[in-house]
């Protein structure tokens, strides 16, 4: 079994700007620069043969290069149940179509549908029972986050290994947008 997801990597120069916001939340597990990405579809643990089928389906995706921007921040969960803070992605129909194409590829490879609503974001930190006032203060302090536009010419298939300090990601395949 291999844990997989499809994602667009955040350019390092934008990631450095995101790293400057990684402060002010006690006990936060801040994500490293190399982990910054916009998930298109989380596939979960899949058998190796299904991973091969998934790769073939992802190769079939036809999508044009696009321009994206990061905009705003948010959190998953509320109050002491907040479990992550993230940078948002400005609404992009092209990104939504690409995420939908990844969902279609997953289904064609035999994976179950993803029932969650798609919310493009870049996870900045995972939280464990944070002080709600700190989360609110962090969200307010970073609410005006806005990146310059960046070009996306490809997306990747990544594997994820769960370790004690957080997940480690490895790029397995690159798919060019054309």
C-alpha atoms as a PDB file:
ATOM      1  CA  UNK A   1       0.000   0.000   0.000  1.00  0.00           C
ATOM      2  CA  UNK A   2       1.112   3.519  -0.771  1.00  0.00           C
ATOM      3  CA  UNK A   3      -0.476   6.755   0.507  1.00  0.00           C
ATOM      4  CA  UNK A   4      -0.986   9.140  -2.424  1.00  0.00           C
ATOM      5  CA  UNK A   5      -2.330  12.561  -3.340  1.00  0.00           C
ATOM      6  CA  UNK A   6      -2.265  14.834  -6.409  1.00  0.00           C
ATOM      7  CA  UNK A   7      -1.192  18.431  -5.861  1.00  0.00           C
ATOM      8  CA  UNK A   8       0.203  21.656  -7.258  1.00  0.00           C
ATOM      9  CA  UNK A   9       3.451  22.660  -5.546  1.00  0.00           C
ATOM     10  CA  UNK A  10       3.757  26.195  -4.186  1.00  0.00           C
ATOM     11  CA  UNK A  11       6.771  27.989  -5.724  1.00  0.00           C
ATOM     12  CA  UNK A  12       9.602  28.340  -3.161  1.00  0.00           C
ATOM     13  CA  UNK A  13       9.634  32.150  -3.405  1.00  0.00           C
ATOM     14  CA  UNK A  14       5.963  32.242  -2.325  1.00  0.00           C
ATOM     15  CA  UNK A  15       6.605  29.574   0.277  1.00  0.00           C
ATOM     16  CA  UNK A  16       9.237  31.767   1.907  1.00  0.00           C
ATOM     17  CA  UNK A  17       6.598  34.457   2.348  1.00  0.00           C
ATOM     18  CA  UNK A  18       4.264  31.912   3.924  1.00  0.00           C
ATOM     19  CA  UNK A  19       7.010  30.797   6.309  1.00  0.00           C
ATOM     20  CA  UNK A  20       7.258  34.351   7.649  1.00  0.00           C
ATOM     21  CA  UNK A  21       3.678  33.922   8.924  1.00  0.00           C
ATOM     22  CA  UNK A  22       4.486  30.740  10.837  1.00  0.00           C
ATOM     23  CA  UNK A  23       4.531  32.249  14.306  1.00  0.00           C
ATOM     24  CA  UNK A  24       2.141  33.098  17.113  1.00  0.00           C
ATOM     25  CA  UNK A  25       0.503  29.730  17.754  1.00  0.00           C
ATOM     26  CA  UNK A  26       1.968  27.844  20.704  1.00  0.00           C
ATOM     27  CA  UNK A  27       2.501  24.158  19.980  1.00  0.00           C
ATOM     28  CA  UNK A  28       1.757  24.467  16.249  1.00  0.00           C
ATOM     29  CA  UNK A  29       3.402  21.886  14.002  1.00  0.00           C
ATOM     30  CA  UNK A  30       4.494  24.333  11.284  1.00  0.00           C
ATOM     31  CA  UNK A  31       4.893  22.699   7.885  1.00  0.00           C
ATOM     32  CA  UNK A  32       8.287  22.987   6.149  1.00  0.00           C
ATOM     33  CA  UNK A  33       8.711  24.848   2.867  1.00  0.00           C
ATOM     34  CA  UNK A  34       8.933  21.617   0.842  1.00  0.00           C
ATOM     35  CA  UNK A  35       5.509  20.543   2.154  1.00  0.00           C
ATOM     36  CA  UNK A  36       3.611  23.571   0.807  1.00  0.00           C
ATOM     37  CA  UNK A  37       1.160  22.442  -1.850  1.00  0.00           C
ATOM     38  CA  UNK A  38      -2.429  22.801  -3.033  1.00  0.00           C
ATOM     39  CA  UNK A  39      -4.052  19.381  -2.900  1.00  0.00           C
ATOM     40  CA  UNK A  40      -6.111  18.473  -5.947  1.00  0.00           C
ATOM     41  CA  UNK A  41      -7.273  15.060  -4.682  1.00  0.00           C
ATOM     42  CA  UNK A  42      -6.223  12.975  -1.694  1.00  0.00           C
ATOM     43  CA  UNK A  43      -6.329   9.312  -2.721  1.00  0.00           C
ATOM     44  CA  UNK A  44      -5.302   7.714   0.580  1.00  0.00           C
ATOM     45  CA  UNK A  45      -3.712   4.290   0.902  1.00  0.00           C
ATOM     46  CA  UNK A  46      -3.884   2.422  -2.400  1.00  0.00           C
ATOM     47  CA  UNK A  47      -2.487  -0.896  -3.588  1.00  0.00           C
ATOM     48  CA  UNK A  48       0.526  -0.717  -5.919  1.00  0.00           C
ATOM     49  CA  UNK A  49      -1.477  -2.038  -8.911  1.00  0.00           C
ATOM     50  CA  UNK A  50      -4.164   0.603  -8.320  1.00  0.00           C
ATOM     51  CA  UNK A  51      -1.427   3.247  -8.041  1.00  0.00           C
ATOM     52  CA  UNK A  52      -0.209   2.173 -11.495  1.00  0.00           C
ATOM     53  CA  UNK A  53      -3.750   2.490 -12.884  1.00  0.00           C
ATOM     54  CA  UNK A  54      -4.131   5.873 -11.204  1.00  0.00           C
ATOM     55  CA  UNK A  55      -0.895   7.092 -12.788  1.00  0.00           C
ATOM     56  CA  UNK A  56      -2.173   6.085 -16.242  1.00  0.00           C
ATOM     57  CA  UNK A  57      -5.447   7.909 -15.628  1.00  0.00           C
ATOM     58  CA  UNK A  58      -3.690  11.064 -14.392  1.00  0.00           C
ATOM     59  CA  UNK A  59      -1.529  11.037 -17.527  1.00  0.00           C
ATOM     60  CA  UNK A  60      -4.715  11.284 -19.606  1.00  0.00           C
ATOM     61  CA  UNK A  61      -5.778  14.589 -18.050  1.00  0.00           C
ATOM     62  CA  UNK A  62      -5.882  17.454 -20.522  1.00  0.00           C
ATOM     63  CA  UNK A  63      -5.765  20.830 -18.821  1.00  0.00           C
ATOM     64  CA  UNK A  64      -4.205  24.140 -19.775  1.00  0.00           C
ATOM     65  CA  UNK A  65      -1.551  25.913 -17.714  1.00  0.00           C
ATOM     66  CA  UNK A  66      -3.093  28.363 -15.264  1.00  0.00           C
ATOM     67  CA  UNK A  67      -2.344  31.316 -13.050  1.00  0.00           C
ATOM     68  CA  UNK A  68      -3.118  31.072  -9.338  1.00  0.00           C
ATOM     69  CA  UNK A  69      -2.928  33.418  -6.357  1.00  0.00           C
ATOM     70  CA  UNK A  70      -2.936  32.771  -2.637  1.00  0.00           C
ATOM     71  CA  UNK A  71      -5.461  34.888  -0.773  1.00  0.00           C
ATOM     72  CA  UNK A  72      -6.666  34.986   2.816  1.00  0.00           C
ATOM     73  CA  UNK A  73      -6.301  32.483   5.638  1.00  0.00           C
ATOM     74  CA  UNK A  74      -8.538  30.130   7.558  1.00  0.00           C
ATOM     75  CA  UNK A  75      -8.677  27.215   9.915  1.00  0.00           C
ATOM     76  CA  UNK A  76     -10.209  23.776   9.994  1.00  0.00           C
ATOM     77  CA  UNK A  77     -12.192  23.163  13.150  1.00  0.00           C
ATOM     78  CA  UNK A  78     -13.405  25.712  15.676  1.00  0.00           C
ATOM     79  CA  UNK A  79     -12.225  26.874  19.074  1.00  0.00           C
ATOM     80  CA  UNK A  80     -10.154  24.251  20.896  1.00  0.00           C
ATOM     81  CA  UNK A  81     -11.070  21.780  18.134  1.00  0.00           C
ATOM     82  CA  UNK A  82      -9.170  23.796  15.502  1.00  0.00           C
ATOM     83  CA  UNK A  83      -6.727  21.365  13.930  1.00  0.00           C
ATOM     84  CA  UNK A  84      -5.054  23.308  11.112  1.00  0.00           C
ATOM     85  CA  UNK A  85      -4.437  26.818   9.805  1.00  0.00           C
ATOM     86  CA  UNK A  86      -4.056  27.467   6.110  1.00  0.00           C
ATOM     87  CA  UNK A  87      -3.542  30.026   3.353  1.00  0.00           C
ATOM     88  CA  UNK A  88      -6.412  30.201   0.898  1.00  0.00           C
ATOM     89  CA  UNK A  89      -6.330  30.077  -2.885  1.00  0.00           C
ATOM     90  CA  UNK A  90      -8.164  32.744  -4.865  1.00  0.00           C
ATOM     91  CA  UNK A  91     -11.138  31.253  -6.704  1.00  0.00           C
ATOM     92  CA  UNK A  92     -10.011  29.640  -9.956  1.00  0.00           C
ATOM     93  CA  UNK A  93     -12.317  27.768 -12.289  1.00  0.00           C
ATOM     94  CA  UNK A  94      -9.274  26.219 -14.002  1.00  0.00           C
ATOM     95  CA  UNK A  95      -8.063  24.811 -10.660  1.00  0.00           C
ATOM     96  CA  UNK A  96     -11.526  23.424  -9.880  1.00  0.00           C
ATOM     97  CA  UNK A  97     -11.648  21.724 -13.296  1.00  0.00           C
ATOM     98  CA  UNK A  98      -8.222  20.180 -12.682  1.00  0.00           C
ATOM     99  CA  UNK A  99      -9.318  18.915  -9.251  1.00  0.00           C
ATOM    100  CA  UNK A 100     -12.457  17.453 -10.841  1.00  0.00           C
ATOM    101  CA  UNK A 101     -10.324  15.753 -13.511  1.00  0.00           C
ATOM    102  CA  UNK A 102      -8.210  14.197 -10.724  1.00  0.00           C
ATOM    103  CA  UNK A 103     -11.422  12.985  -9.061  1.00  0.00           C
ATOM    104  CA  UNK A 104     -12.524  11.426 -12.365  1.00  0.00           C
ATOM    105  CA  UNK A 105      -9.105   9.775 -12.749  1.00  0.00           C
ATOM    106  CA  UNK A 106      -9.436   8.316  -9.244  1.00  0.00           C
ATOM    107  CA  UNK A 107     -12.842   6.838 -10.021  1.00  0.00           C
ATOM    108  CA  UNK A 108     -11.599   5.378 -13.320  1.00  0.00           C
ATOM    109  CA  UNK A 109      -8.755   3.740 -11.395  1.00  0.00           C
ATOM    110  CA  UNK A 110     -11.332   2.119  -9.119  1.00  0.00           C
ATOM    111  CA  UNK A 111     -11.101   4.397  -6.079  1.00  0.00           C
ATOM    112  CA  UNK A 112     -14.161   5.455  -4.102  1.00  0.00           C
ATOM    113  CA  UNK A 113     -15.487   8.975  -4.675  1.00  0.00           C
ATOM    114  CA  UNK A 114     -14.298  11.743  -2.367  1.00  0.00           C
ATOM    115  CA  UNK A 115     -17.381  13.042  -0.574  1.00  0.00           C
ATOM    116  CA  UNK A 116     -15.736  16.178   0.857  1.00  0.00           C
ATOM    117  CA  UNK A 117     -16.269  19.577  -0.745  1.00  0.00           C
ATOM    118  CA  UNK A 118     -13.144  20.819  -2.516  1.00  0.00           C
ATOM    119  CA  UNK A 119     -11.515  23.728  -0.658  1.00  0.00           C
ATOM    120  CA  UNK A 120      -8.158  24.666  -2.205  1.00  0.00           C
ATOM    121  CA  UNK A 121      -5.641  25.755   0.413  1.00  0.00           C
ATOM    122  CA  UNK A 122      -2.040  25.470   1.580  1.00  0.00           C
ATOM    123  CA  UNK A 123      -1.736  23.951   5.055  1.00  0.00           C
ATOM    124  CA  UNK A 124       0.654  26.052   7.138  1.00  0.00           C
ATOM    125  CA  UNK A 125       0.376  24.225  10.476  1.00  0.00           C
ATOM    126  CA  UNK A 126      -1.352  21.379  12.226  1.00  0.00           C
ATOM    127  CA  UNK A 127      -2.682  22.213  15.679  1.00  0.00           C
ATOM    128  CA  UNK A 128      -3.371  20.105  18.746  1.00  0.00           C
ATOM    129  CA  UNK A 129      -5.891  21.632  21.178  1.00  0.00           C
ATOM    130  CA  UNK A 130      -4.782  25.233  20.596  1.00  0.00           C
ATOM    131  CA  UNK A 131      -5.751  28.272  22.609  1.00  0.00           C
ATOM    132  CA  UNK A 132      -8.790  29.578  20.652  1.00  0.00           C
ATOM    133  CA  UNK A 133      -7.772  33.197  21.343  1.00  0.00           C
ATOM    134  CA  UNK A 134      -4.376  32.567  19.728  1.00  0.00           C
ATOM    135  CA  UNK A 135      -6.041  31.062  16.642  1.00  0.00           C
ATOM    136  CA  UNK A 136      -8.404  34.040  16.312  1.00  0.00           C
ATOM    137  CA  UNK A 137      -5.490  36.451  16.747  1.00  0.00           C
ATOM    138  CA  UNK A 138      -3.404  34.588  14.128  1.00  0.00           C
ATOM    139  CA  UNK A 139      -6.303  34.600  11.653  1.00  0.00           C
ATOM    140  CA  UNK A 140      -6.861  38.339  12.191  1.00  0.00           C
ATOM    141  CA  UNK A 141      -3.147  39.154  11.870  1.00  0.00           C
ATOM    142  CA  UNK A 142      -2.877  37.241   8.583  1.00  0.00           C
ATOM    143  CA  UNK A 143      -6.305  37.919   7.079  1.00  0.00           C
ATOM    144  CA  UNK A 144      -4.952  40.146   4.298  1.00  0.00           C
ATOM    145  CA  UNK A 145      -2.538  37.519   2.955  1.00  0.00           C
ATOM    146  CA  UNK A 146      -2.250  37.898  -0.813  1.00  0.00           C
ATOM    147  CA  UNK A 147       0.468  36.532  -3.058  1.00  0.00           C
ATOM    148  CA  UNK A 148       1.513  37.697  -6.471  1.00  0.00           C
ATOM    149  CA  UNK A 149       0.087  35.547  -9.276  1.00  0.00           C
ATOM    150  CA  UNK A 150       2.094  32.443 -10.096  1.00  0.00           C
ATOM    151  CA  UNK A 151       2.087  30.207 -13.140  1.00  0.00           C
ATOM    152  CA  UNK A 152       1.207  26.527 -12.884  1.00  0.00           C
ATOM    153  CA  UNK A 153       2.496  24.375 -15.742  1.00  0.00           C
ATOM    154  CA  UNK A 154       2.222  20.970 -14.066  1.00  0.00           C
ATOM    155  CA  UNK A 155       0.916  19.031 -11.101  1.00  0.00           C
ATOM    156  CA  UNK A 156       2.320  16.030  -9.316  1.00  0.00           C
ATOM    157  CA  UNK A 157       1.465  12.687  -7.799  1.00  0.00           C
ATOM    158  CA  UNK A 158       2.979  12.562  -4.311  1.00  0.00           C
ATOM    159  CA  UNK A 159       3.447   9.799  -1.797  1.00  0.00           C
ATOM    160  CA  UNK A 160       3.075  10.569   1.891  1.00  0.00           C
ATOM    161  CA  UNK A 161       4.745   8.837   4.798  1.00  0.00           C
ATOM    162  CA  UNK A 162       3.340   9.452   8.263  1.00  0.00           C
ATOM    163  CA  UNK A 163       6.163  10.045  10.744  1.00  0.00           C
ATOM    164  CA  UNK A 164       6.170  11.158  14.376  1.00  0.00           C
ATOM    165  CA  UNK A 165       7.082  14.750  13.400  1.00  0.00           C
ATOM    166  CA  UNK A 166       4.469  14.949  10.636  1.00  0.00           C
ATOM    167  CA  UNK A 167       4.081  13.703   7.090  1.00  0.00           C
ATOM    168  CA  UNK A 168       6.945  13.585   4.601  1.00  0.00           C
ATOM    169  CA  UNK A 169       6.078  13.958   0.933  1.00  0.00           C
ATOM    170  CA  UNK A 170       7.868  12.602  -2.093  1.00  0.00           C
ATOM    171  CA  UNK A 171       7.102  13.568  -5.675  1.00  0.00           C
ATOM    172  CA  UNK A 172       6.441  10.360  -7.606  1.00  0.00           C
ATOM    173  CA  UNK A 173       5.268  11.661 -11.010  1.00  0.00           C
ATOM    174  CA  UNK A 174       4.906  14.992 -12.831  1.00  0.00           C
ATOM    175  CA  UNK A 175       2.021  15.675 -15.217  1.00  0.00           C
ATOM    176  CA  UNK A 176       2.417  18.616 -17.616  1.00  0.00           C
ATOM    177  CA  UNK A 177      -0.523  20.903 -18.269  1.00  0.00           C
ATOM    178  CA  UNK A 178      -0.952  21.407 -21.985  1.00  0.00           C
END
